[in-house]
């Protein structure tokens, strides 16, 4: 087919453009015919392989492999398989990634094989550096976590879950700042613990830490308690009295349940956060105090703002560094250490020895603790005081806990490490009898169900105080 005079310059221009693209590529480029004859090599290939194009153009790729030009040819593999092939080659201490791609004509016949070559030596080095850096970062994080845990142990802080350890680590870091902190979380989840950590790790640690539950003071008294009052400020004010802000001067003031502050007190708190000044109730002058504010609430302050129950500007002033304390049900790794700690604590306080059976432990771990750590503490005190034997079992647990778990359907088959066979049998027997007593109406029915005499049941019930 003859080309028109206009098509020839256009084809030449296109060829020049293609050559410019091929020659300017930073990746090496080999082009071979279907029989393996090399027809084009770009400058990057010359540089990567340390050869000149005229040395290999016109030669067959199989000859070059036999002569050791490359260990393995992606071009040759692509020609043989008719599929794209990638090969990692080593040449003069460098790593080269060669990718051969077969090219077919309209009839599906192989006409060319185009191979790109990329130097991945630098990429490989960077990857190793990133991996090494990742290892160092991981080691650093482990060291920091260890240091944080040592600090927590020194302060008798009990935490095992990653979520809680993260929050406690944040509290330690936040201690070094002067920013206002807003601690969010359910009642009893440990917000006060974070306050202690923040204060003890701050430059104010030698100053006072004053705590005030805003929800425990009537609206009519909260302002005078916070900011103090002068003589005659109200009926019964026979003298002046400093407020919590003045008592916390040089230290930290913790406002628990800050969402319960009435509107007038919100205004005065906002004013302090803006300029650091307070005025006593009934006073005519203001005074500057050096106090860091930590606040906490179990309520949704953003929703209260939308509903008009809390000032938007005060919310932004308090919410400089928000921290969320996860509820106990979301950090189950903490439950068993907490149980053991408080059982031991209250047992020592009461002068008795108490320990939990395996069945009781399993049940208490499954319980959701709507009252969080505070509920767990109260429960441990109750179990220590009310249990008549050293081993606290299922029978000692409150019905409200048994009803929310599967414990009432279980007969324990596990035991504490160190128990002898006699103790294990006694514990299982006690739990079986306890469950049977709940299920059957009389000792006779229990005896019939368990296949023993009624007198045996009566004797064992007395033995286990059931």
Protein backbone atom coordinates (compact mmCIF):
# COMPACT_ATOMS: atom_id res chain seq x y z
CA UNK A 1 0.00 0.00 0.00
CA UNK A 2 1.47 3.32 -1.09
CA UNK A 3 1.42 6.25 1.35
CA UNK A 4 0.39 9.71 0.27
CA UNK A 5 3.01 12.45 0.45
CA UNK A 6 1.17 13.93 3.45
CA UNK A 7 1.26 10.69 5.47
CA UNK A 8 5.03 10.25 5.25
CA UNK A 9 6.00 13.40 7.22
CA UNK A 10 3.30 12.58 9.80
CA UNK A 11 4.68 9.07 10.29
CA UNK A 12 8.21 10.41 10.59
CA UNK A 13 7.06 12.94 13.18
CA UNK A 14 5.29 10.22 15.18
CA UNK A 15 8.41 8.03 15.02
CA UNK A 16 10.57 10.89 16.32
CA UNK A 17 8.14 11.46 19.19
CA UNK A 18 8.16 7.77 20.11
CA UNK A 19 11.94 7.66 20.02
CA UNK A 20 12.14 10.75 22.21
CA UNK A 21 9.81 9.12 24.75
CA UNK A 22 11.76 5.83 24.72
CA UNK A 23 15.15 7.52 25.03
CA UNK A 24 14.06 9.87 27.81
CA UNK A 25 12.67 7.10 30.02
CA UNK A 26 14.58 6.47 33.24
CA UNK A 27 13.61 2.80 32.97
CA UNK A 28 15.52 0.53 30.60
CA UNK A 29 13.67 -0.59 27.48
CA UNK A 30 14.41 -3.63 25.24
CA UNK A 31 12.41 -4.36 22.10
CA UNK A 32 12.79 -7.74 20.38
CA UNK A 33 11.12 -9.40 17.40
CA UNK A 34 9.09 -12.58 17.87
CA UNK A 35 12.20 -14.66 17.07
CA UNK A 36 14.16 -12.96 19.89
CA UNK A 37 16.23 -10.59 17.76
CA UNK A 38 16.99 -7.33 19.62
CA UNK A 39 15.88 -4.32 17.54
CA UNK A 40 15.95 -1.44 20.02
CA UNK A 41 17.72 -0.56 23.28
CA UNK A 42 17.31 2.81 25.00
CA UNK A 43 20.07 4.78 26.85
CA UNK A 44 18.76 3.75 30.28
CA UNK A 45 19.27 0.09 29.35
CA UNK A 46 22.82 0.83 28.28
CA UNK A 47 23.49 2.48 31.65
CA UNK A 48 21.81 -0.23 33.75
CA UNK A 49 23.55 -3.13 31.98
CA UNK A 50 26.86 -1.43 31.27
CA UNK A 51 26.73 -2.09 27.52
CA UNK A 52 26.36 -0.13 24.29
CA UNK A 53 23.29 -0.58 22.10
CA UNK A 54 25.31 -1.47 19.01
CA UNK A 55 26.82 -4.42 20.90
CA UNK A 56 23.49 -6.25 21.19
CA UNK A 57 21.15 -4.84 18.50
CA UNK A 58 20.70 -7.48 15.83
CA UNK A 59 21.69 -10.32 18.14
CA UNK A 60 19.32 -12.96 19.52
CA UNK A 61 18.33 -12.81 23.19
CA UNK A 62 19.05 -16.55 23.60
CA UNK A 63 22.69 -15.95 22.67
CA UNK A 64 22.93 -13.13 25.20
CA UNK A 65 21.58 -15.37 27.98
CA UNK A 66 24.05 -18.12 27.09
CA UNK A 67 26.91 -15.60 27.20
CA UNK A 68 25.84 -14.52 30.69
CA UNK A 69 24.55 -11.10 29.72
CA UNK A 70 21.66 -11.75 32.11
CA UNK A 71 20.87 -14.63 34.50
CA UNK A 72 17.38 -15.01 33.13
CA UNK A 73 15.57 -13.13 30.39
CA UNK A 74 12.06 -11.77 30.97
CA UNK A 75 11.94 -11.14 27.20
CA UNK A 76 12.64 -14.77 26.38
CA UNK A 77 10.09 -16.00 28.93
CA UNK A 78 7.45 -13.62 27.54
CA UNK A 79 8.08 -14.88 24.01
CA UNK A 80 7.86 -18.53 25.08
CA UNK A 81 4.75 -18.18 27.27
CA UNK A 82 2.89 -15.39 25.49
CA UNK A 83 2.26 -13.88 28.93
CA UNK A 84 3.73 -10.91 30.83
CA UNK A 85 6.68 -12.07 32.93
CA UNK A 86 8.62 -10.29 35.69
CA UNK A 87 12.14 -11.37 36.66
CA UNK A 88 14.44 -10.06 39.38
CA UNK A 89 18.01 -9.90 38.09
CA UNK A 90 21.33 -9.14 39.76
CA UNK A 91 23.89 -7.19 37.77
CA UNK A 92 27.11 -5.64 39.11
CA UNK A 93 25.76 -5.50 42.66
CA UNK A 94 22.46 -3.98 41.62
CA UNK A 95 18.94 -5.40 41.64
CA UNK A 96 17.08 -5.02 38.34
CA UNK A 97 13.40 -5.80 37.91
CA UNK A 98 12.70 -6.79 34.29
CA UNK A 99 9.14 -7.12 33.01
CA UNK A 100 8.62 -8.65 29.58
CA UNK A 101 5.35 -8.03 27.72
CA UNK A 102 4.37 -9.83 24.49
CA UNK A 103 2.81 -7.73 21.71
CA UNK A 104 0.35 -9.35 19.25
CA UNK A 105 -1.00 -8.20 15.89
CA UNK A 106 -4.66 -8.10 14.85
CA UNK A 107 -4.57 -11.83 14.01
CA UNK A 108 -3.22 -12.75 17.45
CA UNK A 109 0.26 -13.48 16.17
CA UNK A 110 3.24 -12.55 18.34
CA UNK A 111 5.21 -9.77 16.67
CA UNK A 112 7.27 -8.13 19.41
CA UNK A 113 8.37 -8.49 23.00
CA UNK A 114 8.88 -5.25 24.94
CA UNK A 115 10.80 -5.44 28.19
CA UNK A 116 11.17 -2.68 30.77
CA UNK A 117 14.02 -2.75 33.26
CA UNK A 118 13.93 -0.87 36.57
CA UNK A 119 16.71 -0.47 39.11
CA UNK A 120 15.11 -1.43 42.43
CA UNK A 121 18.34 -1.37 44.44
CA UNK A 122 17.53 2.02 45.98
CA UNK A 123 13.91 1.07 46.53
CA UNK A 124 15.01 -2.12 48.24
CA UNK A 125 17.39 -0.17 50.48
CA UNK A 126 14.64 2.31 51.37
CA UNK A 127 12.27 -0.54 52.12
CA UNK A 128 14.81 -2.09 54.49
CA UNK A 129 15.31 1.28 56.17
CA UNK A 130 11.55 1.66 56.59
CA UNK A 131 11.32 -1.82 58.08
CA UNK A 132 14.21 -1.10 60.44
CA UNK A 133 12.62 2.20 61.37
CA UNK A 134 9.36 0.37 62.00
CA UNK A 135 11.15 -2.05 64.30
CA UNK A 136 12.81 0.84 66.15
CA UNK A 137 9.47 2.63 66.47
CA UNK A 138 7.87 -0.56 67.75
CA UNK A 139 10.67 -1.00 70.29
CA UNK A 140 10.29 2.64 71.33
CA UNK A 141 6.54 2.23 71.77
CA UNK A 142 7.10 -0.90 73.85
CA UNK A 143 9.64 0.92 76.01
CA UNK A 144 7.26 3.85 76.46
CA UNK A 145 4.43 1.48 77.31
CA UNK A 146 6.64 -0.28 79.83
CA UNK A 147 7.60 3.04 81.43
CA UNK A 148 3.96 4.11 81.51
CA UNK A 149 2.93 0.81 83.08
CA UNK A 150 5.68 1.17 85.69
CA UNK A 151 4.32 4.61 86.52
CA UNK A 152 0.82 3.22 86.73
CA UNK A 153 1.92 0.36 88.99
CA UNK A 154 3.67 2.86 91.26
CA UNK A 155 0.36 4.71 91.53
CA UNK A 156 -1.59 1.44 92.01
CA UNK A 157 -3.36 1.92 88.70
CA UNK A 158 -4.78 -1.33 87.34
CA UNK A 159 -5.13 -1.46 83.57
CA UNK A 160 -4.51 -4.24 81.07
CA UNK A 161 -6.59 -3.45 77.99
CA UNK A 162 -4.86 -1.59 75.12
CA UNK A 163 -7.68 0.97 75.05
CA UNK A 164 -7.28 1.89 78.71
CA UNK A 165 -3.48 1.86 78.54
CA UNK A 166 -3.69 4.28 75.61
CA UNK A 167 -5.93 6.65 77.57
CA UNK A 168 -3.69 6.47 80.64
CA UNK A 169 -0.64 7.16 78.48
CA UNK A 170 -2.41 10.20 77.04
CA UNK A 171 -3.17 11.42 80.56
CA UNK A 172 0.51 11.21 81.49
CA UNK A 173 1.51 13.16 78.35
CA UNK A 174 -1.22 15.76 78.82
CA UNK A 175 0.12 16.39 82.31
CA UNK A 176 3.03 18.29 80.80
CA UNK A 177 0.72 20.84 79.17
CA UNK A 178 -1.34 23.65 80.68
CA UNK A 179 -4.36 23.16 78.45
CA UNK A 180 -7.86 22.59 79.76
CA UNK A 181 -8.90 18.93 79.56
CA UNK A 182 -12.45 17.60 79.19
CA UNK A 183 -12.77 13.96 80.30
CA UNK A 184 -15.79 12.09 78.98
CA UNK A 185 -17.08 8.73 80.09
CA UNK A 186 -19.78 6.87 81.95
CA UNK A 187 -20.18 7.25 85.70
CA UNK A 188 -17.74 5.11 87.64
CA UNK A 189 -15.48 4.43 84.65
CA UNK A 190 -12.37 6.03 86.17
CA UNK A 191 -12.43 9.69 85.11
CA UNK A 192 -11.09 10.72 88.51
CA UNK A 193 -8.11 8.41 87.99
CA UNK A 194 -7.12 10.36 84.87
CA UNK A 195 -7.36 13.59 86.85
CA UNK A 196 -4.92 12.25 89.43
CA UNK A 197 -2.50 11.15 86.70
CA UNK A 198 -2.67 14.46 84.85
CA UNK A 199 -2.07 16.47 88.01
CA UNK A 200 0.72 14.25 89.36
CA UNK A 201 2.57 14.46 86.02
CA UNK A 202 2.26 18.25 85.72
CA UNK A 203 4.42 21.09 86.93
CA UNK A 204 1.61 21.73 89.42
CA UNK A 205 2.06 18.35 91.10
CA UNK A 206 3.35 20.01 94.29
CA UNK A 207 0.37 22.36 94.31
CA UNK A 208 -3.15 21.52 95.47
CA UNK A 209 -5.56 19.30 93.56
CA UNK A 210 -9.04 20.46 94.50
CA UNK A 211 -12.01 18.35 93.41
CA UNK A 212 -15.61 19.51 93.25
CA UNK A 213 -18.66 17.52 92.17
CA UNK A 214 -20.83 20.17 90.56
CA UNK A 215 -23.86 17.91 90.67
CA UNK A 216 -23.64 17.40 94.44
CA UNK A 217 -24.06 21.08 95.37
CA UNK A 218 -27.39 22.92 95.10
CA UNK A 219 -27.62 25.55 92.37
CA UNK A 220 -28.06 28.26 95.00
CA UNK A 221 -24.71 27.41 96.63
CA UNK A 222 -22.49 26.38 93.71
CA UNK A 223 -21.39 29.92 92.83
CA UNK A 224 -20.35 30.80 96.38
CA UNK A 225 -18.54 27.45 96.72
CA UNK A 226 -16.61 27.95 93.50
CA UNK A 227 -15.74 31.63 93.74
CA UNK A 228 -16.08 32.35 97.47
CA UNK A 229 -18.04 35.17 99.07
CA UNK A 230 -17.60 38.34 101.07
CA UNK A 231 -19.25 39.20 104.37
CA UNK A 232 -22.87 40.15 103.88
CA UNK A 233 -23.09 38.69 100.36
CA UNK A 234 -26.22 36.81 101.39
CA UNK A 235 -28.21 35.98 104.50
CA UNK A 236 -25.97 34.03 106.87
CA UNK A 237 -22.69 35.25 105.34
CA UNK A 238 -21.25 36.49 108.64
CA UNK A 239 -17.71 36.50 107.27
CA UNK A 240 -15.75 36.13 104.06
CA UNK A 241 -14.74 32.75 102.67
CA UNK A 242 -12.42 31.76 99.81
CA UNK A 243 -13.87 29.52 97.13
CA UNK A 244 -12.49 26.45 95.41
CA UNK A 245 -10.68 28.57 92.82
CA UNK A 246 -8.65 30.35 95.47
CA UNK A 247 -7.95 27.08 97.31
CA UNK A 248 -6.60 25.64 94.05
CA UNK A 249 -4.31 28.61 93.34
CA UNK A 250 -1.00 27.26 92.01
CA UNK A 251 -2.56 23.86 91.36
CA UNK A 252 -5.43 22.14 89.63
CA UNK A 253 -9.20 22.41 90.00
CA UNK A 254 -11.24 19.38 88.92
CA UNK A 255 -14.86 20.11 88.09
CA UNK A 256 -16.63 16.76 88.05
CA UNK A 257 -20.07 16.63 86.39
CA UNK A 258 -19.42 20.05 84.89
CA UNK A 259 -22.58 19.69 82.79
CA UNK A 260 -24.60 20.33 85.98
CA UNK A 261 -23.32 23.88 86.39
CA UNK A 262 -26.21 26.38 86.36
CA UNK A 263 -26.09 29.18 83.72
CA UNK A 264 -24.78 31.95 86.06
CA UNK A 265 -21.85 29.77 87.13
CA UNK A 266 -21.17 28.86 83.51
CA UNK A 267 -20.76 32.55 82.73
CA UNK A 268 -18.30 33.11 85.58
CA UNK A 269 -16.32 29.99 84.69
CA UNK A 270 -16.09 31.18 81.07
CA UNK A 271 -14.82 34.55 82.27
CA UNK A 272 -12.09 32.88 84.32
CA UNK A 273 -11.01 30.73 81.37
CA UNK A 274 -10.72 33.88 79.26
CA UNK A 275 -8.70 36.12 81.61
CA UNK A 276 -7.78 34.08 84.71
CA UNK A 277 -9.67 36.41 87.07
CA UNK A 278 -12.38 35.62 89.58
CA UNK A 279 -14.60 37.73 91.83
CA UNK A 280 -16.09 36.62 95.12
CA UNK A 281 -19.83 36.72 95.51
CA UNK A 282 -20.68 40.13 96.94
CA UNK A 283 -17.19 41.46 96.17
CA UNK A 284 -16.35 44.55 94.16
CA UNK A 285 -12.89 43.61 92.95
CA UNK A 286 -11.48 40.70 90.98
CA UNK A 287 -8.35 38.76 91.73
CA UNK A 288 -6.09 36.69 89.49
CA UNK A 289 -5.50 33.02 90.33
CA UNK A 290 -3.17 30.49 88.72
CA UNK A 291 -5.39 27.46 88.28
CA UNK A 292 -5.57 24.73 85.65
CA UNK A 293 -9.06 23.44 84.93
CA UNK A 294 -9.84 19.76 84.41
CA UNK A 295 -13.50 18.95 83.79
CA UNK A 296 -15.46 15.74 83.43
CA UNK A 297 -18.98 14.64 82.64
CA UNK A 298 -20.93 11.53 81.72
CA UNK A 299 -23.36 13.56 79.63
CA UNK A 300 -23.22 14.55 75.94
CA UNK A 301 -22.19 18.20 76.14
CA UNK A 302 -22.51 18.77 72.39
CA UNK A 303 -26.14 17.67 72.55
CA UNK A 304 -26.71 19.89 75.59
CA UNK A 305 -25.32 22.81 73.60
CA UNK A 306 -27.78 22.12 70.79
CA UNK A 307 -30.62 21.95 73.29
CA UNK A 308 -29.54 25.17 74.99
CA UNK A 309 -28.56 23.56 78.29
CA UNK A 310 -24.87 24.41 78.06
CA UNK A 311 -23.04 27.44 76.67
CA UNK A 312 -21.37 26.90 73.30
CA UNK A 313 -18.46 29.24 74.09
CA UNK A 314 -17.80 27.48 77.40
CA UNK A 315 -17.95 24.10 75.67
CA UNK A 316 -15.20 25.17 73.27
CA UNK A 317 -13.11 26.55 76.13
CA UNK A 318 -13.35 23.27 78.05
CA UNK A 319 -13.00 20.95 75.07
CA UNK A 320 -9.40 21.91 74.24
CA UNK A 321 -8.11 18.38 74.91
CA UNK A 322 -10.97 15.85 75.03
CA UNK A 323 -10.31 12.40 76.49
CA UNK A 324 -12.72 9.47 76.37
CA UNK A 325 -12.62 6.82 79.10
CA UNK A 326 -13.94 3.48 77.80
CA UNK A 327 -16.53 1.73 79.99
CA UNK A 328 -15.40 -1.40 81.83
CA UNK A 329 -17.44 -3.70 79.55
CA UNK A 330 -15.24 -2.56 76.63
CA UNK A 331 -11.99 -3.38 78.42
CA UNK A 332 -12.55 -6.88 79.71
CA UNK A 333 -8.83 -7.53 80.09
CA UNK A 334 -9.00 -5.22 83.13
CA UNK A 335 -11.83 -7.04 84.92
CA UNK A 336 -9.95 -10.02 86.40
CA UNK A 337 -6.99 -7.95 87.72
CA UNK A 338 -9.47 -5.49 89.24
CA UNK A 339 -11.48 -8.29 90.86
CA UNK A 340 -8.40 -9.87 92.39
CA UNK A 341 -7.07 -6.53 93.58
CA UNK A 342 -10.26 -5.45 95.34
CA UNK A 343 -11.03 -8.89 96.77
CA UNK A 344 -7.54 -8.90 98.32
CA UNK A 345 -7.90 -5.28 99.42
CA UNK A 346 -11.20 -5.73 101.24
CA UNK A 347 -10.18 -9.12 102.62
CA UNK A 348 -7.05 -7.60 104.16
CA UNK A 349 -9.11 -4.70 105.46
CA UNK A 350 -11.55 -7.14 107.09
CA UNK A 351 -8.85 -9.46 108.40
CA UNK A 352 -10.07 -12.50 106.44
CA UNK A 353 -8.92 -14.65 103.51
CA UNK A 354 -11.09 -14.74 100.41
CA UNK A 355 -10.67 -15.97 96.85
CA UNK A 356 -12.93 -16.46 93.86
CA UNK A 357 -13.83 -19.84 92.42
CA UNK A 358 -13.27 -20.35 88.72
CA UNK A 359 -17.01 -20.42 88.07
CA UNK A 360 -17.44 -17.12 89.93
CA UNK A 361 -14.56 -15.58 87.97
CA UNK A 362 -16.06 -16.64 84.63
CA UNK A 363 -19.43 -15.22 85.62
CA UNK A 364 -18.03 -11.93 86.87
CA UNK A 365 -15.98 -11.47 83.70
CA UNK A 366 -19.12 -11.94 81.59
CA UNK A 367 -21.12 -9.41 83.62
CA UNK A 368 -21.46 -6.03 81.78
CA UNK A 369 -20.97 -3.75 84.85
CA UNK A 370 -23.32 -0.88 84.05
CA UNK A 371 -21.85 0.93 87.06
CA UNK A 372 -18.29 0.32 85.80
CA UNK A 373 -15.34 0.17 88.21
CA UNK A 374 -17.32 1.73 91.05
CA UNK A 375 -19.87 -1.10 90.85
CA UNK A 376 -17.06 -3.68 90.72
CA UNK A 377 -15.47 -2.23 93.87
CA UNK A 378 -18.75 -2.26 95.78
CA UNK A 379 -19.44 -5.81 94.60
CA UNK A 380 -16.03 -7.03 95.80
CA UNK A 381 -16.59 -5.48 99.23
CA UNK A 382 -20.00 -7.15 99.47
CA UNK A 383 -18.62 -10.56 98.45
CA UNK A 384 -15.80 -10.37 101.00
CA UNK A 385 -18.11 -9.34 103.83
CA UNK A 386 -21.05 -11.64 103.06
CA UNK A 387 -19.25 -14.85 102.03
CA UNK A 388 -19.18 -17.41 104.87
CA UNK A 389 -16.31 -19.43 103.43
CA UNK A 390 -12.89 -18.63 102.06
CA UNK A 391 -13.96 -19.63 98.54
CA UNK A 392 -16.40 -17.19 96.95
CA UNK A 393 -18.57 -19.21 94.56
CA UNK A 394 -21.63 -18.77 92.37
CA UNK A 395 -23.91 -19.09 95.39
CA UNK A 396 -22.39 -15.92 96.83
CA UNK A 397 -23.04 -13.80 93.75
CA UNK A 398 -26.07 -11.49 93.73
CA UNK A 399 -29.08 -12.79 91.75
CA UNK A 400 -28.96 -9.67 89.56
CA UNK A 401 -25.55 -10.77 88.25
CA UNK A 402 -26.53 -14.40 87.77
CA UNK A 403 -29.61 -13.35 85.81
CA UNK A 404 -27.53 -11.32 83.34
CA UNK A 405 -25.11 -14.18 82.64
CA UNK A 406 -25.38 -17.86 81.85
CA UNK A 407 -24.07 -18.80 85.28
CA UNK A 408 -27.37 -20.21 86.54
CA UNK A 409 -27.16 -22.91 83.86
CA UNK A 410 -23.55 -23.90 84.49
CA UNK A 411 -21.87 -26.43 86.73
CA UNK A 412 -18.20 -25.50 87.18
CA UNK A 413 -15.59 -27.99 86.05
CA UNK A 414 -12.50 -25.78 86.42
CA UNK A 415 -10.42 -25.12 89.48
CA UNK A 416 -7.84 -22.75 90.84
CA UNK A 417 -4.19 -23.69 90.36
CA UNK A 418 -2.88 -25.14 93.60
CA UNK A 419 -6.20 -26.59 94.78
CA UNK A 420 -6.16 -30.18 95.97
CA UNK A 421 -8.66 -32.78 94.82
CA UNK A 422 -10.62 -32.49 98.07
CA UNK A 423 -11.06 -28.73 97.59
CA UNK A 424 -12.06 -29.18 93.95
CA UNK A 425 -14.66 -31.81 94.75
CA UNK A 426 -16.05 -29.71 97.59
CA UNK A 427 -16.36 -26.63 95.40
CA UNK A 428 -18.12 -28.56 92.61
CA UNK A 429 -20.42 -30.23 95.15
CA UNK A 430 -21.26 -26.89 96.71
CA UNK A 431 -22.08 -25.32 93.35
CA UNK A 432 -24.23 -28.31 92.29
CA UNK A 433 -26.19 -28.20 95.53
CA UNK A 434 -26.62 -24.45 95.23
CA UNK A 435 -27.98 -24.80 91.69
CA UNK A 436 -30.23 -27.69 92.73
CA UNK A 437 -31.62 -25.71 95.63
CA UNK A 438 -32.65 -22.97 93.22
CA UNK A 439 -34.25 -25.46 90.83
CA UNK A 440 -36.14 -27.78 93.20
CA UNK A 441 -38.70 -26.97 95.88
CA UNK A 442 -37.57 -29.43 98.58
CA UNK A 443 -34.66 -31.49 99.81
CA UNK A 444 -36.54 -34.63 98.83
CA UNK A 445 -36.77 -33.48 95.22
CA UNK A 446 -33.05 -32.63 95.23
CA UNK A 447 -32.22 -36.08 96.64
CA UNK A 448 -34.35 -37.79 94.02
CA UNK A 449 -32.77 -35.79 91.20
CA UNK A 450 -29.22 -36.49 92.40
CA UNK A 451 -29.87 -40.13 93.35
CA UNK A 452 -29.02 -39.93 97.05
CA UNK A 453 -30.87 -39.99 100.36
CA UNK A 454 -32.62 -36.89 101.68
CA UNK A 455 -30.52 -37.10 104.84
CA UNK A 456 -27.36 -36.85 102.72
CA UNK A 457 -28.68 -33.69 101.06
CA UNK A 458 -29.63 -32.17 104.42
CA UNK A 459 -26.19 -32.90 105.87
CA UNK A 460 -24.34 -31.43 102.91
CA UNK A 461 -26.55 -28.32 102.81
CA UNK A 462 -25.67 -27.70 106.46
CA UNK A 463 -22.01 -28.34 105.73
CA UNK A 464 -21.93 -25.70 103.01
CA UNK A 465 -24.25 -23.28 104.86
CA UNK A 466 -26.78 -23.41 102.01
